[in-house]
Amino acid sequence: MRDLLFSVPWYLPTLLVIAGLALFVSGNRRQKPQLRTSGVAVIGLAILWAVVSYLVETPKEICERETRQYVRAIVDRDWPTFDRLMEPAVRFTDGTDWQIAGRDTGPPT
């Protein structure tokens, strides 16, 4: 439900704006103020929905952003950012003697 409200695909508000425009034009042609007002309200809700979706960052988006930052920190060898993003109790091994146990051990140089 949270993804539908805050991480909406661009085409849903666009479809609502088109439907609101159709209501507005139809109400304007028939001289029906309620239908015209409904069209404006639908357009306003679609714009509000798009703005809220753009401004609110969902947990999924936060995870994706921090994963990109983490990988970028490794590639750029930005160890302060790497340390900030890494969980304190993390443990890396590759099946041999090489391992990193915890944030304080740090990456190999």
Protein backbone atom coordinates (compact mmCIF):
# COMPACT_ATOMS: atom_id res chain seq x y z
CA MET A 1 0.00 0.00 0.00
CA ARG A 2 2.86 2.37 0.86
CA ASP A 3 4.41 1.86 -2.58
CA LEU A 4 1.12 2.75 -4.26
CA LEU A 5 0.86 6.01 -2.31
CA PHE A 6 4.47 7.15 -2.19
CA SER A 7 6.24 5.40 -5.06
CA VAL A 8 3.65 5.74 -7.78
CA PRO A 9 4.57 5.11 -11.44
CA TRP A 10 4.50 8.28 -13.54
CA TYR A 11 1.68 7.07 -15.76
CA LEU A 12 -0.96 6.85 -13.00
CA PRO A 13 -1.05 10.58 -12.19
CA THR A 14 -0.81 11.27 -15.92
CA LEU A 15 -3.89 9.13 -16.56
CA LEU A 16 -5.72 10.94 -13.75
CA VAL A 17 -4.82 14.32 -15.25
CA ILE A 18 -6.16 13.17 -18.63
CA ALA A 19 -9.38 11.94 -16.99
CA GLY A 20 -9.69 15.24 -15.10
CA LEU A 21 -9.20 17.20 -18.31
CA ALA A 22 -11.90 15.13 -19.99
CA LEU A 23 -14.29 15.84 -17.10
CA PHE A 24 -13.45 19.52 -17.16
CA VAL A 25 -13.96 19.87 -20.92
CA SER A 26 -17.17 17.85 -20.81
CA GLY A 27 -18.54 19.93 -17.96
CA ASN A 28 -17.53 23.14 -19.67
CA ARG A 29 -19.24 22.18 -22.94
CA ARG A 30 -22.46 21.18 -21.17
CA GLN A 31 -22.39 24.19 -18.83
CA LYS A 32 -22.43 21.92 -15.74
CA PRO A 33 -20.37 23.53 -12.98
CA GLN A 34 -20.35 20.39 -10.80
CA LEU A 35 -18.78 18.30 -13.56
CA ARG A 36 -16.29 21.06 -14.35
CA THR A 37 -15.36 21.36 -10.66
CA SER A 38 -14.96 17.58 -10.43
CA GLY A 39 -12.51 17.70 -13.31
CA VAL A 40 -10.44 20.39 -11.61
CA ALA A 41 -10.51 18.38 -8.35
CA VAL A 42 -9.29 15.22 -10.11
CA ILE A 43 -6.46 17.19 -11.76
CA GLY A 44 -5.52 18.69 -8.39
CA LEU A 45 -5.48 15.27 -6.70
CA ALA A 46 -3.31 13.84 -9.48
CA ILE A 47 -0.81 16.69 -9.14
CA LEU A 48 -0.79 16.35 -5.35
CA TRP A 49 -0.25 12.58 -5.64
CA ALA A 50 2.67 13.08 -8.04
CA VAL A 51 4.30 15.70 -5.79
CA VAL A 52 3.92 13.57 -2.65
CA SER A 53 5.31 10.56 -4.50
CA TYR A 54 8.32 12.61 -5.57
CA LEU A 55 9.02 14.13 -2.14
CA VAL A 56 8.47 11.12 0.17
CA GLU A 57 11.23 8.51 0.21
CA THR A 58 10.01 4.97 0.93
CA PRO A 59 12.15 2.41 2.79
CA LYS A 60 12.73 0.62 -0.52
CA GLU A 61 14.07 3.82 -2.10
CA ILE A 62 16.25 4.51 0.95
CA CYS A 63 17.74 1.01 0.70
CA GLU A 64 18.44 1.41 -3.01
CA ARG A 65 20.04 4.83 -2.49
CA GLU A 66 22.26 3.63 0.37
CA THR A 67 23.29 0.54 -1.59
CA ARG A 68 24.40 2.76 -4.48
CA GLN A 69 26.29 5.00 -2.03
CA TYR A 70 27.94 1.94 -0.45
CA VAL A 71 29.13 0.55 -3.78
CA ARG A 72 30.25 4.01 -4.92
CA ALA A 73 32.25 4.40 -1.66
CA ILE A 74 34.03 1.10 -2.33
CA VAL A 75 34.81 1.97 -5.94
CA ASP A 76 36.04 5.46 -5.02
CA ARG A 77 37.89 4.15 -1.92
CA ASP A 78 35.98 6.61 0.24
CA TRP A 79 36.53 4.78 3.51
CA PRO A 80 34.77 7.26 5.86
CA THR A 81 31.56 6.84 3.83
CA PHE A 82 32.15 3.08 3.70
CA ASP A 83 32.46 2.98 7.51
CA ARG A 84 29.38 5.14 7.98
CA LEU A 85 27.22 2.89 5.79
CA MET A 86 28.53 -0.47 6.99
CA GLU A 87 26.74 -2.25 9.83
CA PRO A 88 28.96 -2.42 12.96
CA ALA A 89 28.73 -6.22 13.34
CA VAL A 90 29.24 -7.13 9.66
CA ARG A 91 31.59 -9.98 8.73
CA PHE A 92 33.07 -10.65 5.29
CA THR A 93 34.85 -13.89 4.37
CA ASP A 94 35.74 -15.62 1.13
CA GLY A 95 36.40 -19.17 2.36
CA THR A 96 40.14 -18.60 2.88
CA ASP A 97 42.02 -16.87 5.70
CA TRP A 98 41.00 -13.43 4.42
CA GLN A 99 38.19 -11.82 6.41
CA ILE A 100 36.90 -8.55 7.75
CA ALA A 101 35.20 -8.89 11.09
CA GLY A 102 33.35 -5.77 12.12
CA ARG A 103 33.53 -2.16 11.11
CA ASP A 104 36.68 -1.38 13.12
CA THR A 105 38.82 -3.83 11.16
CA GLY A 106 38.28 -1.80 8.00
CA PRO A 107 38.76 -2.77 4.39
CA PRO A 108 41.99 -4.31 3.11
CA THR A 109 44.50 -1.88 1.67
